[in-house]
Protein backbone atom coordinates (compact mmCIF):
# COMPACT_ATOMS: atom_id res chain seq x y z
CA MET A 1 -7.26 -2.13 -23.91
CA THR A 2 -9.76 -3.96 -21.74
CA ASP A 3 -8.98 -4.96 -18.18
CA LYS A 4 -8.91 -8.76 -17.88
CA ARG A 5 -8.65 -8.89 -14.08
CA VAL A 6 -11.06 -11.17 -12.24
CA PHE A 7 -11.34 -8.66 -9.38
CA PRO A 8 -11.52 -5.03 -10.56
CA ARG A 9 -9.39 -2.35 -8.92
CA LYS A 10 -11.07 0.54 -7.12
CA LYS A 11 -9.20 3.82 -6.92
CA ARG A 12 -9.05 4.61 -3.20
CA ARG A 13 -6.61 6.75 -1.26
CA VAL A 14 -6.18 5.27 2.21
CA MET A 15 -3.30 6.08 4.55
CA VAL A 16 -1.18 3.04 5.39
CA SER A 17 1.69 2.21 7.71
CA PHE A 18 4.11 -0.71 7.64
CA GLU A 19 7.63 -1.58 8.79
CA VAL A 20 10.75 -1.38 6.65
CA ASP A 21 14.13 -2.23 8.21
CA GLY A 22 12.69 -1.99 11.74
CA ARG A 23 11.05 1.42 11.39
CA THR A 24 7.44 2.34 10.76
CA VAL A 25 6.85 4.16 7.49
CA LYS A 26 3.75 5.80 6.06
CA GLY A 27 2.27 5.85 2.61
CA PHE A 28 -1.09 5.63 0.89
CA THR A 29 -2.94 3.34 -1.44
CA LEU A 30 -3.53 4.23 -5.05
CA ASP A 31 -5.98 1.40 -5.67
CA LEU A 32 -7.47 -1.62 -3.93
CA SER A 33 -8.93 -4.90 -5.08
CA HIS A 34 -10.07 -8.16 -3.53
CA THR A 35 -6.60 -9.63 -4.08
CA GLY A 36 -4.26 -6.72 -3.38
CA LEU A 37 -3.47 -3.05 -3.13
CA LEU A 38 -1.03 -0.64 -4.72
CA ILE A 39 0.93 1.45 -2.19
CA SER A 40 2.82 4.65 -2.83
CA SER A 41 5.54 5.44 -0.28
CA TYR A 42 8.95 7.06 -0.06
CA HIS A 43 10.48 4.01 1.69
CA LEU A 44 9.90 0.71 -0.07
CA PRO A 45 10.42 -2.84 1.16
CA PRO A 46 12.17 -5.25 -1.23
CA LEU A 47 10.09 -7.13 -3.77
CA GLY A 48 8.90 -10.48 -2.46
CA LYS A 49 9.14 -9.41 1.19
CA PRO A 50 6.25 -10.51 3.43
CA LEU A 51 4.50 -7.42 4.77
CA CYS A 52 1.88 -6.52 7.36
CA VAL A 53 0.12 -3.27 6.38
CA THR A 54 -2.21 -1.23 8.59
CA LEU A 55 -4.84 0.68 6.62
CA GLU A 56 -5.97 3.84 8.44
CA PHE A 57 -9.40 4.91 7.21
CA SER A 58 -10.64 8.51 7.45
CA ASN A 59 -13.40 7.50 9.90
CA GLY A 60 -10.75 6.31 12.40
CA ASN A 61 -11.12 2.59 11.70
CA ARG A 62 -8.01 0.51 11.11
CA MET A 63 -7.50 -2.81 9.37
CA GLN A 64 -4.40 -4.98 9.17
CA VAL A 65 -3.69 -7.01 6.05
CA THR A 66 -0.78 -9.27 5.20
CA GLY A 67 0.76 -10.23 1.91
CA SER A 68 3.97 -9.89 -0.02
CA VAL A 69 5.38 -7.04 -2.05
CA VAL A 70 4.78 -7.48 -5.78
CA ARG A 71 5.18 -3.85 -6.86
CA ALA A 72 5.14 -0.40 -5.25
CA ARG A 73 5.43 3.22 -6.27
CA ARG A 74 7.93 5.59 -4.67
CA LEU A 75 6.87 9.10 -3.62
CA PRO A 76 9.04 12.07 -4.59
CA GLY A 77 11.36 13.08 -1.72
CA GLU A 78 9.62 16.41 -1.10
CA LEU A 79 6.35 14.57 -0.32
CA ALA A 80 7.95 12.24 2.24
CA GLN A 81 7.31 14.65 5.13
């Protein structure tokens, strides 16, 4: 099946942090594109929730992006620590 996306996804693993229910949680990206990113995390915000995500790059740079939750992938409990 061919990918019909206008902006292709790039597989990149970048650490992220964001707030869920007043606490900061960590996760990582599975892929990025011009229009979004796919986050894997143990704690997930509800679908449709506006979200501010801080991307933490390996070189020490940080970037904040905002958007809303469309889908997310939950980490297994043993990987949450």
